[in-house]
Amino acid sequence: MSLSHLTVAQFCDFHGCSTVIIEEFAEQGIFETHYENGLVLIPYSEISRLERALRIHLDLGVNAVGIDIILNLLEQLDARRFDRIEV
């Protein structure tokens, strides 16, 4: 396994969550996954997005489809704020 990835099991052990919800997030396309030797791997670059998705799910009870929409809208807002700063 590469040092630039975590397994789904490692992520879930650390965060105390079920692999089922993380797999649902992956199926919805909330974060990218890679596969190696039969393991589902999460790139470190996706961890922040995945943690944010998990917080939205646990704190607000939003499902995977809603989380995907929320995260995309938040990213659009961040991009617009960044564009204003550069001008």
PDB file of N, CA and C in Angstrom:
ATOM      1  N   MET A   1       0.843  -1.174   0.000  1.00  0.00           N
ATOM      2  CA  MET A   1       0.000   0.000   0.000  1.00  0.00           C
ATOM      3  C   MET A   1       0.892   1.242   0.000  1.00  0.00           C
ATOM      4  N   SER A   2       0.472   2.225  -0.730  1.00  0.00           N
ATOM      5  CA  SER A   2       1.211   3.468  -0.854  1.00  0.00           C
ATOM      6  C   SER A   2       1.120   4.282   0.440  1.00  0.00           C
ATOM      7  N   LEU A   3       2.145   5.096   0.684  1.00  0.00           N
ATOM      8  CA  LEU A   3       2.134   5.962   1.862  1.00  0.00           C
ATOM      9  C   LEU A   3       1.262   7.197   1.662  1.00  0.00           C
ATOM     10  N   SER A   4       0.713   7.371   0.481  1.00  0.00           N
ATOM     11  CA  SER A   4      -0.121   8.538   0.204  1.00  0.00           C
ATOM     12  C   SER A   4      -1.610   8.220   0.309  1.00  0.00           C
ATOM     13  N   HIS A   5      -1.929   7.057   0.887  1.00  0.00           N
ATOM     14  CA  HIS A   5      -3.326   6.627   0.990  1.00  0.00           C
ATOM     15  C   HIS A   5      -3.604   6.017   2.362  1.00  0.00           C
ATOM     16  N   LEU A   6      -4.887   6.042   2.739  1.00  0.00           N
ATOM     17  CA  LEU A   6      -5.396   5.292   3.892  1.00  0.00           C
ATOM     18  C   LEU A   6      -6.381   4.261   3.376  1.00  0.00           C
ATOM     19  N   THR A   7      -6.527   3.166   4.072  1.00  0.00           N
ATOM     20  CA  THR A   7      -7.599   2.243   3.726  1.00  0.00           C
ATOM     21  C   THR A   7      -8.888   2.769   4.352  1.00  0.00           C
ATOM     22  N   VAL A   8     -10.012   2.320   3.817  1.00  0.00           N
ATOM     23  CA  VAL A   8     -11.301   2.693   4.394  1.00  0.00           C
ATOM     24  C   VAL A   8     -11.360   2.222   5.846  1.00  0.00           C
ATOM     25  N   ALA A   9     -10.841   1.031   6.111  1.00  0.00           N
ATOM     26  CA  ALA A   9     -10.850   0.498   7.477  1.00  0.00           C
ATOM     27  C   ALA A   9     -10.039   1.383   8.425  1.00  0.00           C
ATOM     28  N   GLN A  10      -8.881   1.872   7.997  1.00  0.00           N
ATOM     29  CA  GLN A  10      -8.069   2.757   8.836  1.00  0.00           C
ATOM     30  C   GLN A  10      -8.819   4.052   9.141  1.00  0.00           C
ATOM     31  N   PHE A  11      -9.441   4.631   8.107  1.00  0.00           N
ATOM     32  CA  PHE A  11     -10.205   5.862   8.296  1.00  0.00           C
ATOM     33  C   PHE A  11     -11.330   5.628   9.301  1.00  0.00           C
ATOM     34  N   CYS A  12     -12.063   4.542   9.122  1.00  0.00           N
ATOM     35  CA  CYS A  12     -13.207   4.246   9.993  1.00  0.00           C
ATOM     36  C   CYS A  12     -12.775   3.940  11.420  1.00  0.00           C
ATOM     37  N   ASP A  13     -11.675   3.224  11.586  1.00  0.00           N
ATOM     38  CA  ASP A  13     -11.159   2.952  12.926  1.00  0.00           C
ATOM     39  C   ASP A  13     -10.805   4.251  13.641  1.00  0.00           C
ATOM     40  N   PHE A  14     -10.140   5.153  12.937  1.00  0.00           N
ATOM     41  CA  PHE A  14      -9.724   6.421  13.530  1.00  0.00           C
ATOM     42  C   PHE A  14     -10.924   7.280  13.906  1.00  0.00           C
ATOM     43  N   HIS A  15     -11.944   7.326  13.028  1.00  0.00           N
ATOM     44  CA  HIS A  15     -13.097   8.203  13.237  1.00  0.00           C
ATOM     45  C   HIS A  15     -14.270   7.516  13.939  1.00  0.00           C
ATOM     46  N   GLY A  16     -14.142   6.228  14.201  1.00  0.00           N
ATOM     47  CA  GLY A  16     -15.195   5.503  14.901  1.00  0.00           C
ATOM     48  C   GLY A  16     -16.502   5.444  14.129  1.00  0.00           C
ATOM     49  N   CYS A  17     -16.404   5.278  12.822  1.00  0.00           N
ATOM     50  CA  CYS A  17     -17.604   5.229  11.989  1.00  0.00           C
ATOM     51  C   CYS A  17     -17.671   3.908  11.237  1.00  0.00           C
ATOM     52  N   SER A  18     -18.795   3.675  10.625  1.00  0.00           N
ATOM     53  CA  SER A  18     -19.034   2.444   9.882  1.00  0.00           C
ATOM     54  C   SER A  18     -18.463   2.536   8.473  1.00  0.00           C
ATOM     55  N   THR A  19     -17.928   1.422   8.001  1.00  0.00           N
ATOM     56  CA  THR A  19     -17.439   1.390   6.621  1.00  0.00           C
ATOM     57  C   THR A  19     -18.587   1.543   5.630  1.00  0.00           C
ATOM     58  N   VAL A  20     -19.793   1.185   6.039  1.00  0.00           N
ATOM     59  CA  VAL A  20     -20.954   1.255   5.150  1.00  0.00           C
ATOM     60  C   VAL A  20     -21.203   2.688   4.689  1.00  0.00           C
ATOM     61  N   ILE A  21     -21.157   3.647   5.613  1.00  0.00           N
ATOM     62  CA  ILE A  21     -21.415   5.036   5.238  1.00  0.00           C
ATOM     63  C   ILE A  21     -20.297   5.576   4.351  1.00  0.00           C
ATOM     64  N   ILE A  22     -19.069   5.187   4.622  1.00  0.00           N
ATOM     65  CA  ILE A  22     -17.944   5.648   3.806  1.00  0.00           C
ATOM     66  C   ILE A  22     -18.043   5.061   2.403  1.00  0.00           C
ATOM     67  N   GLU A  23     -18.434   3.803   2.314  1.00  0.00           N
ATOM     68  CA  GLU A  23     -18.639   3.188   1.002  1.00  0.00           C
ATOM     69  C   GLU A  23     -19.772   3.872   0.245  1.00  0.00           C
ATOM     70  N   GLU A  24     -20.823   4.277   0.968  1.00  0.00           N
ATOM     71  CA  GLU A  24     -21.932   5.007   0.340  1.00  0.00           C
ATOM     72  C   GLU A  24     -21.446   6.358  -0.204  1.00  0.00           C
ATOM     73  N   PHE A  25     -20.607   7.046   0.578  1.00  0.00           N
ATOM     74  CA  PHE A  25     -20.036   8.315   0.119  1.00  0.00           C
ATOM     75  C   PHE A  25     -19.209   8.097  -1.153  1.00  0.00           C
ATOM     76  N   ALA A  26     -18.440   7.027  -1.180  1.00  0.00           N
ATOM     77  CA  ALA A  26     -17.614   6.736  -2.355  1.00  0.00           C
ATOM     78  C   ALA A  26     -18.485   6.445  -3.575  1.00  0.00           C
ATOM     79  N   GLU A  27     -19.539   5.670  -3.382  1.00  0.00           N
ATOM     80  CA  GLU A  27     -20.451   5.352  -4.485  1.00  0.00           C
ATOM     81  C   GLU A  27     -21.128   6.608  -5.016  1.00  0.00           C
ATOM     82  N   GLN A  28     -21.396   7.569  -4.148  1.00  0.00           N
ATOM     83  CA  GLN A  28     -22.030   8.826  -4.544  1.00  0.00           C
ATOM     84  C   GLN A  28     -21.029   9.757  -5.231  1.00  0.00           C
ATOM     85  N   GLY A  29     -19.736   9.446  -5.125  1.00  0.00           N
ATOM     86  CA  GLY A  29     -18.712  10.280  -5.741  1.00  0.00           C
ATOM     87  C   GLY A  29     -18.278  11.447  -4.883  1.00  0.00           C
ATOM     88  N   ILE A  30     -18.533  11.368  -3.592  1.00  0.00           N
ATOM     89  CA  ILE A  30     -18.163  12.443  -2.679  1.00  0.00           C
ATOM     90  C   ILE A  30     -16.641  12.553  -2.560  1.00  0.00           C
ATOM     91  N   PHE A  31     -15.959  11.445  -2.682  1.00  0.00           N
ATOM     92  CA  PHE A  31     -14.500  11.464  -2.672  1.00  0.00           C
ATOM     93  C   PHE A  31     -13.995  10.390  -3.621  1.00  0.00           C
ATOM     94  N   GLU A  32     -12.764  10.552  -4.065  1.00  0.00           N
ATOM     95  CA  GLU A  32     -12.151   9.595  -4.986  1.00  0.00           C
ATOM     96  C   GLU A  32     -11.533   8.436  -4.214  1.00  0.00           C
ATOM     97  N   THR A  33     -11.567   7.284  -4.818  1.00  0.00           N
ATOM     98  CA  THR A  33     -10.914   6.116  -4.222  1.00  0.00           C
ATOM     99  C   THR A  33      -9.972   5.501  -5.239  1.00  0.00           C
ATOM    100  N   HIS A  34      -9.045   4.720  -4.730  1.00  0.00           N
ATOM    101  CA  HIS A  34      -8.138   3.928  -5.549  1.00  0.00           C
ATOM    102  C   HIS A  34      -8.188   2.503  -5.004  1.00  0.00           C
ATOM    103  N   TYR A  35      -7.824   1.569  -5.834  1.00  0.00           N
ATOM    104  CA  TYR A  35      -7.844   0.162  -5.423  1.00  0.00           C
ATOM    105  C   TYR A  35      -6.453  -0.430  -5.593  1.00  0.00           C
ATOM    106  N   GLU A  36      -6.033  -1.179  -4.576  1.00  0.00           N
ATOM    107  CA  GLU A  36      -4.734  -1.829  -4.629  1.00  0.00           C
ATOM    108  C   GLU A  36      -4.805  -3.114  -3.810  1.00  0.00           C
ATOM    109  N   ASN A  37      -4.472  -4.219  -4.435  1.00  0.00           N
ATOM    110  CA  ASN A  37      -4.472  -5.526  -3.755  1.00  0.00           C
ATOM    111  C   ASN A  37      -5.804  -5.823  -3.065  1.00  0.00           C
ATOM    112  N   GLY A  38      -6.907  -5.451  -3.704  1.00  0.00           N
ATOM    113  CA  GLY A  38      -8.225  -5.718  -3.164  1.00  0.00           C
ATOM    114  C   GLY A  38      -8.681  -4.759  -2.077  1.00  0.00           C
ATOM    115  N   LEU A  39      -7.875  -3.755  -1.766  1.00  0.00           N
ATOM    116  CA  LEU A  39      -8.238  -2.777  -0.741  1.00  0.00           C
ATOM    117  C   LEU A  39      -8.750  -1.492  -1.391  1.00  0.00           C
ATOM    118  N   VAL A  40      -9.738  -0.888  -0.763  1.00  0.00           N
ATOM    119  CA  VAL A  40     -10.216   0.422  -1.200  1.00  0.00           C
ATOM    120  C   VAL A  40      -9.379   1.459  -0.462  1.00  0.00           C
ATOM    121  N   LEU A  41      -8.708   2.318  -1.225  1.00  0.00           N
ATOM    122  CA  LEU A  41      -7.803   3.298  -0.639  1.00  0.00           C
ATOM    123  C   LEU A  41      -8.337   4.708  -0.813  1.00  0.00           C
ATOM    124  N   ILE A  42      -8.104   5.529   0.187  1.00  0.00           N
ATOM    125  CA  ILE A  42      -8.499   6.939   0.171  1.00  0.00           C
ATOM    126  C   ILE A  42      -7.219   7.761   0.070  1.00  0.00           C
ATOM    127  N   PRO A  43      -7.069   8.530  -1.008  1.00  0.00           N
ATOM    128  CA  PRO A  43      -5.886   9.400  -1.100  1.00  0.00           C
ATOM    129  C   PRO A  43      -5.902  10.441   0.020  1.00  0.00           C
ATOM    130  N   TYR A  44      -4.727  10.773   0.546  1.00  0.00           N
ATOM    131  CA  TYR A  44      -4.657  11.779   1.607  1.00  0.00           C
ATOM    132  C   TYR A  44      -5.269  13.098   1.170  1.00  0.00           C
ATOM    133  N   SER A  45      -5.200  13.410  -0.116  1.00  0.00           N
ATOM    134  CA  SER A  45      -5.771  14.662  -0.618  1.00  0.00           C
ATOM    135  C   SER A  45      -7.297  14.696  -0.479  1.00  0.00           C
ATOM    136  N   GLU A  46      -7.931  13.548  -0.273  1.00  0.00           N
ATOM    137  CA  GLU A  46      -9.391  13.465  -0.136  1.00  0.00           C
ATOM    138  C   GLU A  46      -9.863  13.405   1.321  1.00  0.00           C
ATOM    139  N   ILE A  47      -8.927  13.255   2.252  1.00  0.00           N
ATOM    140  CA  ILE A  47      -9.296  13.055   3.657  1.00  0.00           C
ATOM    141  C   ILE A  47     -10.095  14.240   4.202  1.00  0.00           C
ATOM    142  N   SER A  48      -9.661  15.448   3.929  1.00  0.00           N
ATOM    143  CA  SER A  48     -10.349  16.634   4.444  1.00  0.00           C
ATOM    144  C   SER A  48     -11.801  16.678   3.965  1.00  0.00           C
ATOM    145  N   ARG A  49     -12.018  16.412   2.678  1.00  0.00           N
ATOM    146  CA  ARG A  49     -13.374  16.414   2.122  1.00  0.00           C
ATOM    147  C   ARG A  49     -14.210  15.311   2.761  1.00  0.00           C
ATOM    148  N   LEU A  50     -13.617  14.152   2.950  1.00  0.00           N
ATOM    149  CA  LEU A  50     -14.325  13.029   3.547  1.00  0.00           C
ATOM    150  C   LEU A  50     -14.676  13.319   5.011  1.00  0.00           C
ATOM    151  N   GLU A  51     -13.760  13.920   5.751  1.00  0.00           N
ATOM    152  CA  GLU A  51     -14.056  14.275   7.143  1.00  0.00           C
ATOM    153  C   GLU A  51     -15.187  15.307   7.214  1.00  0.00           C
ATOM    154  N   ARG A  52     -15.173  16.246   6.301  1.00  0.00           N
ATOM    155  CA  ARG A  52     -16.246  17.250   6.258  1.00  0.00           C
ATOM    156  C   ARG A  52     -17.588  16.575   5.964  1.00  0.00           C
ATOM    157  N   ALA A  53     -17.584  15.647   5.022  1.00  0.00           N
ATOM    158  CA  ALA A  53     -18.806  14.911   4.670  1.00  0.00           C
ATOM    159  C   ALA A  53     -19.317  14.124   5.869  1.00  0.00           C
ATOM    160  N   LEU A  54     -18.414  13.486   6.581  1.00  0.00           N
ATOM    161  CA  LEU A  54     -18.807  12.696   7.750  1.00  0.00           C
ATOM    162  C   LEU A  54     -19.410  13.591   8.833  1.00  0.00           C
ATOM    163  N   ARG A  55     -18.815  14.770   9.055  1.00  0.00           N
ATOM    164  CA  ARG A  55     -19.370  15.696  10.048  1.00  0.00           C
ATOM    165  C   ARG A  55     -20.778  16.147   9.658  1.00  0.00           C
ATOM    166  N   ILE A  56     -20.977  16.466   8.383  1.00  0.00           N
ATOM    167  CA  ILE A  56     -22.313  16.880   7.922  1.00  0.00           C
ATOM    168  C   ILE A  56     -23.314  15.756   8.157  1.00  0.00           C
ATOM    169  N   HIS A  57     -22.905  14.541   7.857  1.00  0.00           N
ATOM    170  CA  HIS A  57     -23.792  13.387   8.043  1.00  0.00           C
ATOM    171  C   HIS A  57     -24.126  13.167   9.516  1.00  0.00           C
ATOM    172  N   LEU A  58     -23.106  13.157  10.356  1.00  0.00           N
ATOM    173  CA  LEU A  58     -23.323  12.850  11.772  1.00  0.00           C
ATOM    174  C   LEU A  58     -24.010  13.992  12.511  1.00  0.00           C
ATOM    175  N   ASP A  59     -23.619  15.226  12.237  1.00  0.00           N
ATOM    176  CA  ASP A  59     -24.163  16.377  12.967  1.00  0.00           C
ATOM    177  C   ASP A  59     -25.548  16.790  12.485  1.00  0.00           C
ATOM    178  N   LEU A  60     -25.782  16.679  11.173  1.00  0.00           N
ATOM    179  CA  LEU A  60     -27.037  17.180  10.608  1.00  0.00           C
ATOM    180  C   LEU A  60     -27.956  16.086  10.058  1.00  0.00           C
ATOM    181  N   GLY A  61     -27.447  14.866   9.962  1.00  0.00           N
ATOM    182  CA  GLY A  61     -28.260  13.767   9.468  1.00  0.00           C
ATOM    183  C   GLY A  61     -28.525  13.812   7.973  1.00  0.00           C
ATOM    184  N   VAL A  62     -27.664  14.496   7.228  1.00  0.00           N
ATOM    185  CA  VAL A  62     -27.845  14.619   5.782  1.00  0.00           C
ATOM    186  C   VAL A  62     -27.362  13.340   5.099  1.00  0.00           C
ATOM    187  N   ASN A  63     -28.116  12.908   4.071  1.00  0.00           N
ATOM    188  CA  ASN A  63     -27.716  11.693   3.347  1.00  0.00           C
ATOM    189  C   ASN A  63     -26.629  12.014   2.321  1.00  0.00           C
ATOM    190  N   ALA A  64     -26.118  10.976   1.658  1.00  0.00           N
ATOM    191  CA  ALA A  64     -24.981  11.124   0.748  1.00  0.00           C
ATOM    192  C   ALA A  64     -25.280  12.066  -0.415  1.00  0.00           C
ATOM    193  N   VAL A  65     -26.473  11.997  -0.976  1.00  0.00           N
ATOM    194  CA  VAL A  65     -26.835  12.881  -2.096  1.00  0.00           C
ATOM    195  C   VAL A  65     -26.812  14.338  -1.632  1.00  0.00           C
ATOM    196  N   GLY A  66     -27.392  14.607  -0.480  1.00  0.00           N
ATOM    197  CA  GLY A  66     -27.402  15.956   0.072  1.00  0.00           C
ATOM    198  C   GLY A  66     -26.009  16.451   0.402  1.00  0.00           C
ATOM    199  N   ILE A  67     -25.177  15.577   0.928  1.00  0.00           N
ATOM    200  CA  ILE A  67     -23.804  15.948   1.263  1.00  0.00           C
ATOM    201  C   ILE A  67     -23.039  16.347   0.010  1.00  0.00           C
ATOM    202  N   ASP A  68     -23.213  15.593  -1.063  1.00  0.00           N
ATOM    203  CA  ASP A  68     -22.542  15.903  -2.321  1.00  0.00           C
ATOM    204  C   ASP A  68     -22.937  17.301  -2.804  1.00  0.00           C
ATOM    205  N   ILE A  69     -24.210  17.615  -2.739  1.00  0.00           N
ATOM    206  CA  ILE A  69     -24.699  18.931  -3.152  1.00  0.00           C
ATOM    207  C   ILE A  69     -24.118  20.023  -2.258  1.00  0.00           C
ATOM    208  N   ILE A  70     -24.161  19.815  -0.959  1.00  0.00           N
ATOM    209  CA  ILE A  70     -23.657  20.804   0.003  1.00  0.00           C
ATOM    210  C   ILE A  70     -22.167  21.065  -0.221  1.00  0.00           C
ATOM    211  N   LEU A  71     -21.383  20.003  -0.358  1.00  0.00           N
ATOM    212  CA  LEU A  71     -19.943  20.175  -0.535  1.00  0.00           C
ATOM    213  C   LEU A  71     -19.621  20.902  -1.841  1.00  0.00           C
ATOM    214  N   ASN A  72     -20.342  20.576  -2.902  1.00  0.00           N
ATOM    215  CA  ASN A  72     -20.107  21.262  -4.173  1.00  0.00           C
ATOM    216  C   ASN A  72     -20.453  22.744  -4.076  1.00  0.00           C
ATOM    217  N   LEU A  73     -21.550  23.075  -3.399  1.00  0.00           N
ATOM    218  CA  LEU A  73     -21.913  24.484  -3.210  1.00  0.00           C
ATOM    219  C   LEU A  73     -20.876  25.215  -2.350  1.00  0.00           C
ATOM    220  N   LEU A  74     -20.409  24.581  -1.298  1.00  0.00           N
ATOM    221  CA  LEU A  74     -19.387  25.201  -0.451  1.00  0.00           C
ATOM    222  C   LEU A  74     -18.099  25.449  -1.227  1.00  0.00           C
ATOM    223  N   GLU A  75     -17.728  24.509  -2.085  1.00  0.00           N
ATOM    224  CA  GLU A  75     -16.522  24.684  -2.899  1.00  0.00           C
ATOM    225  C   GLU A  75     -16.694  25.829  -3.894  1.00  0.00           C
ATOM    226  N   GLN A  76     -17.890  25.969  -4.458  1.00  0.00           N
ATOM    227  CA  GLN A  76     -18.157  27.091  -5.364  1.00  0.00           C
ATOM    228  C   GLN A  76     -18.060  28.417  -4.628  1.00  0.00           C
ATOM    229  N   LEU A  77     -18.606  28.479  -3.418  1.00  0.00           N
ATOM    230  CA  LEU A  77     -18.511  29.701  -2.615  1.00  0.00           C
ATOM    231  C   LEU A  77     -17.059  30.034  -2.273  1.00  0.00           C
ATOM    232  N   ASP A  78     -16.296  29.031  -1.897  1.00  0.00           N
ATOM    233  CA  ASP A  78     -14.876  29.245  -1.591  1.00  0.00           C
ATOM    234  C   ASP A  78     -14.127  29.760  -2.816  1.00  0.00           C
ATOM    235  N   ALA A  79     -14.426  29.204  -3.982  1.00  0.00           N
ATOM    236  CA  ALA A  79     -13.768  29.635  -5.210  1.00  0.00           C
ATOM    237  C   ALA A  79     -14.116  31.085  -5.530  1.00  0.00           C
ATOM    238  N   ARG A  80     -15.369  31.464  -5.326  1.00  0.00           N
ATOM    239  CA  ARG A  80     -15.774  32.854  -5.575  1.00  0.00           C
ATOM    240  C   ARG A  80     -15.090  33.806  -4.605  1.00  0.00           C
ATOM    241  N   ARG A  81     -14.984  33.403  -3.358  1.00  0.00           N
ATOM    242  CA  ARG A  81     -14.291  34.246  -2.374  1.00  0.00           C
ATOM    243  C   ARG A  81     -12.833  34.418  -2.755  1.00  0.00           C
ATOM    244  N   PHE A  82     -12.222  33.357  -3.211  1.00  0.00           N
ATOM    245  CA  PHE A  82     -10.814  33.391  -3.608  1.00  0.00           C
ATOM    246  C   PHE A  82     -10.648  34.300  -4.832  1.00  0.00           C
ATOM    247  N   ASP A  83     -11.584  34.217  -5.775  1.00  0.00           N
ATOM    248  CA  ASP A  83     -11.533  35.070  -6.957  1.00  0.00           C
ATOM    249  C   ASP A  83     -11.618  36.543  -6.584  1.00  0.00           C
ATOM    250  N   ARG A  84     -12.463  36.888  -5.633  1.00  0.00           N
ATOM    251  CA  ARG A  84     -12.596  38.279  -5.183  1.00  0.00           C
ATOM    252  C   ARG A  84     -11.325  38.780  -4.527  1.00  0.00           C
ATOM    253  N   ILE A  85     -10.666  37.906  -3.802  1.00  0.00           N
ATOM    254  CA  ILE A  85      -9.421  38.290  -3.119  1.00  0.00           C
ATOM    255  C   ILE A  85      -8.331  38.587  -4.137  1.00  0.00           C
ATOM    256  N   GLU A  86      -8.275  37.819  -5.217  1.00  0.00           N
ATOM    257  CA  GLU A  86      -7.232  37.995  -6.219  1.00  0.00           C
ATOM    258  C   GLU A  86      -7.419  39.273  -7.030  1.00  0.00           C
ATOM    259  N   VAL A  87      -8.647  39.757  -7.180  1.00  0.00           N
ATOM    260  CA  VAL A  87      -8.915  40.932  -8.023  1.00  0.00           C
ATOM    261  C   VAL A  87      -8.393  42.182  -7.430  1.00  0.00           C
TER     262      VAL A  87
END
